[in-house]
């Protein structure tokens, strides 16, 4: 109880600063004002196109990556005729909901984690089930859902060593919060053990596997990738296609490549500088090499552009709609929801957030389109995936920048066809496991 009191005092004291921060951000993007308003649950249920008697399944997913990973589960729930609402923490997360599901899935911003706002939001939405994705442990939200006797699940649950160390400093607070969940689906055996060590009940916890292996590739993958190749990178490729082109076949046939394209995805501050240097060095021996830079956060697009200008780098941005030529060194992917198509066109992918102590990002999207991956020494948020990829020789870890340069250079020279589908299939099935459990526990009228 003491920790809950201290937590709530902290939220109350920081609330004015929180409001001021988003008010300032709203001058740059007015959607931040909408985010702030919804944080305080100031919306009408009718604005979500929910009738008075509707009881949707509410899923909370913090970011773009989590929303994307939920796609296979959402599809199954929609097939069960469920109404679904997804809450997110960011503008980009909410935009991804719209991009993936259009109007089939409703979206809101997560309420500020004080009892009044949380209770007001729960009253308006009145969910039949509440699902939390990965690590989003918001104590007041979770507690109020539990008190209202709404089935509550933590799916694809994971804990980094850093989070585990922090949580162990407040054991009773964390144990109480975890045991509000009706069931916890850990994404690995190691994560299961971590949750047990924090006091989660063994009978309400299992290792279900990682939902991120159940990747749903877009139906238009080949078509869009081909369009991008022809409009942006026409100079780069000389492709020959089979007469009977199958749009569902994810394997674009590369018979001749006039240049080398590699991608650095979900990059963070201070990584881009190193990656640009690596690309410049590689271009000394492979002058047609092109680096696609995809910053993790949209608010950093302008910073990456300024970095290229400062270093006199010949660059093209996605938003400019300009075509790359032989002199283009860097292509900046300053758009959202297109990463999979650029993975498809790259010979090797660097996974960002791993050269600095961020913990890395999900490499499986690149693997799904048969693009080899490499990452830096800081991949602790994806430890199980990293170890499996290394064990199966499907990814490489660079110990430092020099090592990364060598791996990228060799990867660009390697023209052997890769096929990682068998690996992904062997680790799939988590979505079905979670769906079955939720379906059996959720009131039948919602299915």
Protein backbone atom coordinates (compact mmCIF):
# COMPACT_ATOMS: atom_id res chain seq x y z
CA UNK A 1 0.00 0.00 0.00
CA UNK A 2 2.86 2.35 0.80
CA UNK A 3 4.35 1.95 -2.67
CA UNK A 4 0.99 2.62 -4.33
CA UNK A 5 0.66 5.78 -2.23
CA UNK A 6 4.15 6.98 -3.13
CA UNK A 7 3.55 6.13 -6.79
CA UNK A 8 0.34 8.17 -6.86
CA UNK A 9 1.97 11.12 -5.07
CA UNK A 10 4.72 11.07 -7.69
CA UNK A 11 2.17 11.08 -10.54
CA UNK A 12 0.26 13.99 -8.98
CA UNK A 13 3.41 16.05 -8.43
CA UNK A 14 4.65 15.49 -11.98
CA UNK A 15 1.26 16.06 -13.64
CA UNK A 16 1.77 19.85 -14.23
CA UNK A 17 5.10 19.16 -15.95
CA UNK A 18 3.50 16.39 -18.01
CA UNK A 19 0.77 18.78 -19.18
CA UNK A 20 3.29 21.54 -19.96
CA UNK A 21 5.49 19.13 -21.93
CA UNK A 22 2.68 18.02 -24.24
CA UNK A 23 1.33 21.54 -24.62
CA UNK A 24 4.74 22.59 -25.93
CA UNK A 25 4.90 19.56 -28.23
CA UNK A 26 1.45 20.43 -29.61
CA UNK A 27 2.95 23.52 -31.29
CA UNK A 28 5.02 21.12 -33.42
CA UNK A 29 2.26 18.56 -33.90
CA UNK A 30 -1.33 19.31 -32.92
CA UNK A 31 -1.98 15.60 -32.42
CA UNK A 32 -0.04 15.91 -29.14
CA UNK A 33 -2.94 17.99 -27.82
CA UNK A 34 -5.36 15.20 -28.70
CA UNK A 35 -3.02 12.75 -26.96
CA UNK A 36 -3.07 14.90 -23.83
CA UNK A 37 -6.86 15.25 -23.84
CA UNK A 38 -7.35 11.52 -24.21
CA UNK A 39 -4.79 10.87 -21.45
CA UNK A 40 -7.37 12.45 -19.15
CA UNK A 41 -10.21 10.37 -20.65
CA UNK A 42 -11.97 13.43 -22.06
CA UNK A 43 -13.81 11.74 -24.90
CA UNK A 44 -17.28 10.36 -25.58
CA UNK A 45 -17.89 6.65 -26.02
CA UNK A 46 -19.88 7.48 -29.15
CA UNK A 47 -16.78 9.09 -30.68
CA UNK A 48 -15.27 5.59 -30.75
CA UNK A 49 -18.34 4.27 -32.60
CA UNK A 50 -19.24 2.09 -29.64
CA UNK A 51 -22.85 1.64 -28.65
CA UNK A 52 -23.96 1.72 -25.03
CA UNK A 53 -23.98 -2.08 -24.80
CA UNK A 54 -20.71 -2.72 -26.64
CA UNK A 55 -17.98 -4.38 -24.59
CA UNK A 56 -14.82 -4.46 -26.71
CA UNK A 57 -11.59 -6.28 -26.02
CA UNK A 58 -9.11 -3.61 -24.94
CA UNK A 59 -5.48 -4.24 -25.85
CA UNK A 60 -2.67 -1.96 -24.70
CA UNK A 61 0.44 -1.83 -26.89
CA UNK A 62 2.95 0.91 -26.33
CA UNK A 63 4.73 1.35 -29.65
CA UNK A 64 4.69 0.74 -33.40
CA UNK A 65 6.61 -2.53 -33.00
CA UNK A 66 4.17 -3.92 -30.45
CA UNK A 67 1.14 -2.93 -32.53
CA UNK A 68 2.67 -4.62 -35.57
CA UNK A 69 3.46 -7.79 -33.61
CA UNK A 70 -0.19 -7.98 -32.51
CA UNK A 71 -1.50 -8.22 -36.07
CA UNK A 72 -1.92 -12.04 -36.19
CA UNK A 73 -3.83 -12.04 -32.87
CA UNK A 74 -6.01 -9.10 -33.94
CA UNK A 75 -6.92 -10.91 -37.16
CA UNK A 76 -8.05 -13.97 -35.18
CA UNK A 77 -10.11 -11.84 -32.79
CA UNK A 78 -11.74 -9.99 -35.69
CA UNK A 79 -12.62 -13.34 -37.24
CA UNK A 80 -14.41 -14.10 -33.95
CA UNK A 81 -16.49 -10.95 -34.54
CA UNK A 82 -14.94 -9.19 -31.55
CA UNK A 83 -14.85 -5.43 -31.28
CA UNK A 84 -11.32 -4.35 -30.45
CA UNK A 85 -9.82 -1.15 -29.12
CA UNK A 86 -6.06 -0.62 -28.95
CA UNK A 87 -4.48 1.97 -26.68
CA UNK A 88 -0.96 3.21 -27.29
CA UNK A 89 1.49 5.66 -25.77
CA UNK A 90 2.63 7.43 -28.91
CA UNK A 91 1.28 9.16 -32.00
CA UNK A 92 3.17 6.72 -34.20
CA UNK A 93 1.73 3.75 -32.32
CA UNK A 94 -1.82 4.99 -32.88
CA UNK A 95 -1.08 5.77 -36.53
CA UNK A 96 0.11 2.20 -37.00
CA UNK A 97 -3.24 0.90 -35.71
CA UNK A 98 -5.03 2.91 -38.40
CA UNK A 99 -2.54 1.88 -41.08
CA UNK A 100 -2.83 -1.85 -40.31
CA UNK A 101 -6.54 -2.14 -39.56
CA UNK A 102 -8.21 1.00 -40.92
CA UNK A 103 -11.61 1.30 -39.19
CA UNK A 104 -11.82 -2.37 -38.20
CA UNK A 105 -10.01 -1.62 -34.94
CA UNK A 106 -10.62 1.40 -32.70
CA UNK A 107 -7.74 3.30 -31.12
CA UNK A 108 -7.14 5.66 -28.20
CA UNK A 109 -4.22 6.96 -26.17
CA UNK A 110 -3.67 5.28 -22.82
CA UNK A 111 -5.15 7.19 -19.87
CA UNK A 112 -2.77 8.89 -17.44
CA UNK A 113 -2.14 6.34 -14.70
CA UNK A 114 -4.08 7.98 -11.87
CA UNK A 115 -7.16 6.24 -10.49
CA UNK A 116 -9.62 8.97 -11.50
CA UNK A 117 -8.59 9.04 -15.18
CA UNK A 118 -8.21 5.26 -15.42
CA UNK A 119 -11.62 4.60 -13.84
CA UNK A 120 -13.30 7.17 -16.07
CA UNK A 121 -11.81 5.55 -19.18
CA UNK A 122 -12.80 2.05 -18.04
CA UNK A 123 -16.34 3.25 -17.38
CA UNK A 124 -16.65 4.71 -20.87
CA UNK A 125 -15.16 1.72 -22.72
CA UNK A 126 -16.44 -1.03 -20.40
CA UNK A 127 -14.16 -3.72 -21.87
CA UNK A 128 -15.00 -7.42 -21.73
CA UNK A 129 -11.30 -8.33 -21.59
CA UNK A 130 -8.09 -6.38 -21.05
CA UNK A 131 -4.81 -7.47 -22.66
CA UNK A 132 -1.41 -5.90 -21.96
CA UNK A 133 1.46 -6.40 -24.40
CA UNK A 134 5.00 -7.20 -23.18
CA UNK A 135 6.21 -4.87 -20.41
CA UNK A 136 3.53 -2.22 -19.96
CA UNK A 137 2.96 -2.58 -16.20
CA UNK A 138 0.83 0.46 -15.27
CA UNK A 139 -0.12 -0.23 -11.63
CA UNK A 140 -3.31 1.83 -11.30
CA UNK A 141 -4.71 0.76 -14.67
CA UNK A 142 -3.99 -2.90 -13.92
CA UNK A 143 -5.41 -2.64 -10.40
CA UNK A 144 -8.67 -1.00 -11.53
CA UNK A 145 -9.20 -3.59 -14.27
CA UNK A 146 -8.70 -6.33 -11.67
CA UNK A 147 -11.10 -4.70 -9.18
CA UNK A 148 -13.78 -4.54 -11.88
CA UNK A 149 -13.33 -8.30 -12.39
CA UNK A 150 -12.45 -7.87 -16.05
CA UNK A 151 -10.34 -10.78 -17.39
CA UNK A 152 -6.77 -9.48 -17.50
CA UNK A 153 -3.83 -10.92 -19.45
CA UNK A 154 -0.16 -10.04 -19.91
CA UNK A 155 0.97 -11.45 -23.25
CA UNK A 156 4.43 -11.84 -24.78
CA UNK A 157 5.71 -10.84 -21.36
CA UNK A 158 9.40 -10.13 -21.06
CA UNK A 159 11.83 -8.65 -18.56
CA UNK A 160 15.30 -7.35 -19.32
CA UNK A 161 17.99 -7.84 -16.68
CA UNK A 162 17.87 -4.09 -16.08
CA UNK A 163 14.11 -4.14 -15.41
CA UNK A 164 14.42 -7.22 -13.21
CA UNK A 165 17.09 -5.53 -11.10
CA UNK A 166 14.90 -2.44 -10.68
CA UNK A 167 11.75 -4.40 -9.85
CA UNK A 168 13.57 -6.38 -7.18
CA UNK A 169 14.05 -3.12 -5.28
CA UNK A 170 10.26 -2.80 -4.87
CA UNK A 171 9.27 -6.49 -4.52
CA UNK A 172 5.89 -6.22 -2.77
CA UNK A 173 4.66 -3.52 -5.19
CA UNK A 174 5.64 -5.56 -8.25
CA UNK A 175 4.36 -8.87 -6.82
CA UNK A 176 0.95 -7.32 -6.07
CA UNK A 177 0.74 -5.82 -9.57
CA UNK A 178 1.73 -9.06 -11.31
CA UNK A 179 -0.80 -11.11 -9.39
CA UNK A 180 -3.65 -8.87 -10.54
CA UNK A 181 -3.28 -10.64 -13.90
CA UNK A 182 -5.45 -13.68 -14.53
CA UNK A 183 -2.68 -15.13 -16.67
CA UNK A 184 0.82 -14.20 -17.85
CA UNK A 185 2.16 -15.56 -21.14
CA UNK A 186 5.97 -15.27 -20.94
CA UNK A 187 7.82 -15.14 -24.25
CA UNK A 188 10.66 -17.45 -23.15
CA UNK A 189 11.64 -19.89 -20.41
CA UNK A 190 14.09 -17.32 -19.07
CA UNK A 191 11.37 -14.67 -18.86
CA UNK A 192 9.09 -17.16 -17.12
CA UNK A 193 11.76 -17.71 -14.45
CA UNK A 194 12.21 -13.96 -14.03
CA UNK A 195 8.50 -13.43 -13.41
CA UNK A 196 8.49 -16.31 -10.92
CA UNK A 197 11.40 -14.70 -9.07
CA UNK A 198 9.29 -11.53 -8.71
CA UNK A 199 6.46 -13.44 -7.08
CA UNK A 200 4.12 -14.26 -9.98
CA UNK A 201 1.94 -17.29 -9.25
CA UNK A 202 3.23 -20.41 -11.01
CA UNK A 203 -0.30 -21.63 -11.85
CA UNK A 204 -1.04 -18.35 -13.67
CA UNK A 205 2.18 -18.26 -15.71
CA UNK A 206 3.62 -20.20 -18.63
CA UNK A 207 6.20 -19.95 -21.39
CA UNK A 208 4.00 -19.52 -24.46
CA UNK A 209 6.79 -18.52 -26.85
CA UNK A 210 7.25 -15.25 -28.69
CA UNK A 211 4.33 -13.83 -30.66
CA UNK A 212 6.79 -11.94 -32.87
CA UNK A 213 7.65 -15.16 -34.73
CA UNK A 214 4.08 -15.21 -36.09
CA UNK A 215 4.78 -12.49 -38.60
CA UNK A 216 2.04 -11.42 -41.02
CA UNK A 217 3.71 -10.18 -44.18
CA UNK A 218 1.65 -7.65 -46.16
CA UNK A 219 -0.18 -9.08 -49.19
CA UNK A 220 1.29 -6.34 -51.35
CA UNK A 221 4.89 -6.93 -50.24
CA UNK A 222 6.27 -7.83 -53.67
CA UNK A 223 4.27 -5.24 -55.56
CA UNK A 224 5.18 -2.33 -53.29
CA UNK A 225 8.82 -3.41 -53.07
CA UNK A 226 8.98 -3.56 -56.84
CA UNK A 227 7.36 -0.12 -57.16
CA UNK A 228 9.87 1.35 -54.69
CA UNK A 229 12.74 -0.28 -56.53
CA UNK A 230 11.62 1.11 -59.89
CA UNK A 231 10.83 4.62 -58.67
CA UNK A 232 13.56 5.26 -56.11
CA UNK A 233 16.39 2.84 -56.85
CA UNK A 234 16.07 2.35 -60.61
CA UNK A 235 19.78 3.01 -60.99
CA UNK A 236 20.57 0.36 -58.44
CA UNK A 237 19.10 -2.79 -59.86
CA UNK A 238 18.82 -4.74 -63.08
CA UNK A 239 16.17 -7.29 -62.19
CA UNK A 240 14.75 -10.05 -64.32
CA UNK A 241 11.33 -11.36 -63.33
CA UNK A 242 9.57 -14.55 -64.20
CA UNK A 243 6.78 -14.12 -66.77
CA UNK A 244 4.19 -15.41 -64.37
CA UNK A 245 4.83 -13.08 -61.47
CA UNK A 246 3.19 -14.31 -58.25
CA UNK A 247 2.39 -11.32 -56.00
CA UNK A 248 2.23 -13.64 -52.98
CA UNK A 249 5.70 -15.02 -53.58
CA UNK A 250 7.96 -13.01 -51.28
CA UNK A 251 11.10 -13.91 -53.21
CA UNK A 252 11.99 -11.21 -55.69
CA UNK A 253 14.49 -12.77 -58.09
CA UNK A 254 17.75 -10.84 -58.25
CA UNK A 255 19.78 -11.90 -61.25
CA UNK A 256 22.07 -8.92 -61.46
CA UNK A 257 22.75 -6.12 -59.04
CA UNK A 258 24.47 -2.94 -60.18
CA UNK A 259 24.90 -1.67 -56.65
CA UNK A 260 24.77 -2.71 -53.01
CA UNK A 261 22.01 -1.56 -50.69
CA UNK A 262 22.06 -2.10 -46.94
CA UNK A 263 19.70 -0.80 -44.31
CA UNK A 264 20.18 0.45 -40.75
CA UNK A 265 16.77 0.14 -39.10
CA UNK A 266 15.39 1.74 -35.93
CA UNK A 267 18.55 3.74 -35.30
CA UNK A 268 19.11 6.00 -32.30
CA UNK A 269 21.10 9.11 -31.46
CA UNK A 270 24.89 8.65 -31.98
CA UNK A 271 24.42 5.49 -34.05
CA UNK A 272 23.83 7.29 -37.36
CA UNK A 273 27.21 9.04 -37.21
CA UNK A 274 28.98 5.68 -36.90
CA UNK A 275 26.87 4.08 -39.62
CA UNK A 276 27.55 6.91 -42.07
CA UNK A 277 31.31 6.55 -41.43
CA UNK A 278 31.05 2.81 -42.05
CA UNK A 279 29.21 3.44 -45.32
CA UNK A 280 31.83 5.97 -46.44
CA UNK A 281 34.60 3.48 -45.76
CA UNK A 282 32.81 0.70 -47.66
CA UNK A 283 32.21 3.00 -50.63
CA UNK A 284 35.98 3.33 -51.06
CA UNK A 285 36.11 -0.26 -52.30
CA UNK A 286 32.44 -0.61 -53.34
CA UNK A 287 31.57 2.87 -54.69
CA UNK A 288 27.94 2.04 -55.53
CA UNK A 289 27.01 1.19 -51.95
CA UNK A 290 23.86 2.88 -50.65
CA UNK A 291 22.85 3.09 -46.99
CA UNK A 292 19.16 3.30 -46.07
CA UNK A 293 18.87 5.04 -42.70
CA UNK A 294 15.59 4.49 -40.82
CA UNK A 295 15.58 6.40 -37.50
CA UNK A 296 13.49 4.81 -34.76
CA UNK A 297 11.64 7.99 -33.78
CA UNK A 298 10.02 10.40 -36.29
CA UNK A 299 11.01 13.43 -34.22
CA UNK A 300 14.64 12.62 -35.07
CA UNK A 301 14.21 12.70 -38.85
CA UNK A 302 15.32 16.32 -39.04
CA UNK A 303 18.36 15.64 -36.84
CA UNK A 304 19.54 12.88 -39.19
CA UNK A 305 19.06 15.17 -42.19
CA UNK A 306 21.13 17.87 -40.47
CA UNK A 307 23.83 15.30 -39.67
CA UNK A 308 24.09 14.34 -43.35
CA UNK A 309 24.28 18.01 -44.35
CA UNK A 310 26.94 18.68 -41.74
CA UNK A 311 29.05 15.79 -43.06
CA UNK A 312 28.43 16.82 -46.70
CA UNK A 313 26.72 13.53 -47.43
CA UNK A 314 24.80 13.21 -50.68
CA UNK A 315 21.40 12.09 -49.40
CA UNK A 316 17.79 11.66 -50.51
CA UNK A 317 14.76 11.51 -48.21
CA UNK A 318 11.71 9.34 -48.71
CA UNK A 319 9.42 12.35 -48.20
CA UNK A 320 11.10 14.27 -51.04
CA UNK A 321 10.00 11.55 -53.52
CA UNK A 322 13.26 12.12 -55.36
CA UNK A 323 15.05 9.29 -57.12
CA UNK A 324 18.48 8.12 -55.97
CA UNK A 325 21.35 8.17 -58.45
CA UNK A 326 24.90 6.87 -58.57
CA UNK A 327 26.10 9.71 -56.34
CA UNK A 328 23.56 9.09 -53.56
CA UNK A 329 25.27 7.83 -50.41
CA UNK A 330 22.38 7.76 -47.94
CA UNK A 331 18.64 7.34 -48.32
CA UNK A 332 16.73 8.57 -45.24
CA UNK A 333 13.52 6.67 -44.61
CA UNK A 334 11.53 9.49 -43.00
CA UNK A 335 8.18 7.70 -43.20
CA UNK A 336 6.26 5.21 -41.08
CA UNK A 337 5.03 1.69 -41.79
CA UNK A 338 7.28 1.02 -44.80
CA UNK A 339 10.28 -0.63 -43.19
CA UNK A 340 9.37 -4.16 -44.34
CA UNK A 341 9.51 -3.10 -48.01
CA UNK A 342 12.98 -1.59 -47.62
CA UNK A 343 14.18 -4.66 -45.74
CA UNK A 344 13.10 -6.60 -48.82
CA UNK A 345 15.34 -4.50 -51.09
CA UNK A 346 18.43 -4.68 -48.86
CA UNK A 347 21.23 -7.24 -48.94
CA UNK A 348 21.89 -6.97 -45.20
CA UNK A 349 20.17 -5.21 -42.30
CA UNK A 350 21.68 -3.62 -39.21
CA UNK A 351 19.33 -3.59 -36.22
CA UNK A 352 19.48 -0.26 -34.41
CA UNK A 353 19.53 0.43 -30.69
CA UNK A 354 22.32 -2.13 -30.39
CA UNK A 355 25.44 0.01 -30.88
CA UNK A 356 24.32 2.05 -27.87
CA UNK A 357 22.85 0.76 -24.62
CA UNK A 358 19.20 0.83 -25.73
CA UNK A 359 18.78 -2.93 -25.92
CA UNK A 360 18.18 -3.41 -29.62
CA UNK A 361 14.99 -3.94 -31.61
CA UNK A 362 13.18 -6.82 -33.28
CA UNK A 363 15.27 -8.43 -36.07
CA UNK A 364 12.57 -10.89 -37.17
CA UNK A 365 10.91 -8.61 -39.74
CA UNK A 366 14.15 -8.58 -41.72
CA UNK A 367 14.51 -12.35 -41.28
CA UNK A 368 10.93 -12.83 -42.54
CA UNK A 369 11.88 -11.39 -45.95
CA UNK A 370 15.13 -13.38 -46.02
CA UNK A 371 17.43 -10.44 -45.35
CA UNK A 372 20.47 -11.34 -43.19
CA UNK A 373 20.82 -9.33 -39.99
CA UNK A 374 23.60 -7.94 -37.87
CA UNK A 375 23.49 -6.06 -34.59
CA UNK A 376 25.83 -4.47 -32.09
CA UNK A 377 26.82 -5.61 -28.56
CA UNK A 378 23.67 -4.24 -26.82
CA UNK A 379 20.80 -6.57 -27.71
CA UNK A 380 19.57 -7.34 -24.18
CA UNK A 381 15.89 -6.61 -24.90
CA UNK A 382 15.85 -9.44 -27.46
CA UNK A 383 18.17 -11.89 -25.78
CA UNK A 384 16.26 -15.07 -26.59
CA UNK A 385 15.77 -14.14 -30.26
CA UNK A 386 19.39 -13.04 -30.56
CA UNK A 387 20.72 -16.31 -29.11
CA UNK A 388 18.50 -18.43 -31.36
CA UNK A 389 19.57 -16.53 -34.47
CA UNK A 390 23.24 -16.87 -33.54
CA UNK A 391 22.81 -20.57 -32.75
CA UNK A 392 21.25 -21.18 -36.18
CA UNK A 393 23.77 -18.97 -38.03
CA UNK A 394 20.97 -16.62 -39.09
CA UNK A 395 22.41 -13.43 -37.63
CA UNK A 396 25.72 -11.91 -36.59
CA UNK A 397 26.81 -9.84 -33.61
CA UNK A 398 29.35 -7.06 -34.10
CA UNK A 399 31.52 -6.39 -31.08
CA UNK A 400 32.44 -2.88 -32.20
CA UNK A 401 32.22 -0.48 -35.16
CA UNK A 402 35.23 -1.96 -36.96
CA UNK A 403 33.76 -5.45 -36.65
CA UNK A 404 30.40 -4.15 -37.90
CA UNK A 405 32.03 -2.59 -40.95
CA UNK A 406 33.69 -5.91 -41.81
CA UNK A 407 30.41 -7.84 -41.46
CA UNK A 408 28.48 -5.33 -43.60
CA UNK A 409 31.18 -5.31 -46.26
CA UNK A 410 31.22 -9.10 -46.48
CA UNK A 411 27.43 -9.23 -46.46
CA UNK A 412 27.26 -6.90 -49.43
CA UNK A 413 29.62 -9.16 -51.37
CA UNK A 414 27.55 -12.26 -50.61
CA UNK A 415 25.11 -12.94 -53.45
CA UNK A 416 23.93 -16.33 -52.19
CA UNK A 417 20.17 -16.62 -51.79
CA UNK A 418 18.93 -16.88 -48.19
CA UNK A 419 15.81 -18.65 -46.93
CA UNK A 420 14.86 -18.23 -43.28
CA UNK A 421 11.23 -19.38 -43.52
CA UNK A 422 11.88 -22.81 -41.97
CA UNK A 423 13.34 -21.19 -38.86
CA UNK A 424 10.34 -18.87 -38.43
CA UNK A 425 7.82 -21.68 -38.93
CA UNK A 426 9.56 -23.84 -36.34
CA UNK A 427 9.03 -21.15 -33.69
CA UNK A 428 5.53 -20.03 -34.67
CA UNK A 429 2.23 -20.89 -32.99
CA UNK A 430 2.25 -18.57 -29.97
CA UNK A 431 -0.63 -16.50 -31.32
CA UNK A 432 -2.87 -19.58 -31.48
CA UNK A 433 -1.96 -20.56 -27.90
CA UNK A 434 -2.83 -17.10 -26.56
CA UNK A 435 -6.01 -16.87 -28.64
CA UNK A 436 -7.30 -20.22 -27.38
CA UNK A 437 -6.77 -19.21 -23.74
CA UNK A 438 -8.42 -15.82 -24.15
CA UNK A 439 -11.33 -17.27 -26.11
CA UNK A 440 -12.03 -19.86 -23.42
CA UNK A 441 -11.98 -17.29 -20.59
CA UNK A 442 -13.75 -14.36 -22.25
CA UNK A 443 -17.57 -14.23 -21.99
CA UNK A 444 -19.01 -16.16 -24.97
CA UNK A 445 -21.32 -13.34 -26.03
CA UNK A 446 -18.23 -11.40 -27.14
CA UNK A 447 -17.25 -14.21 -29.53
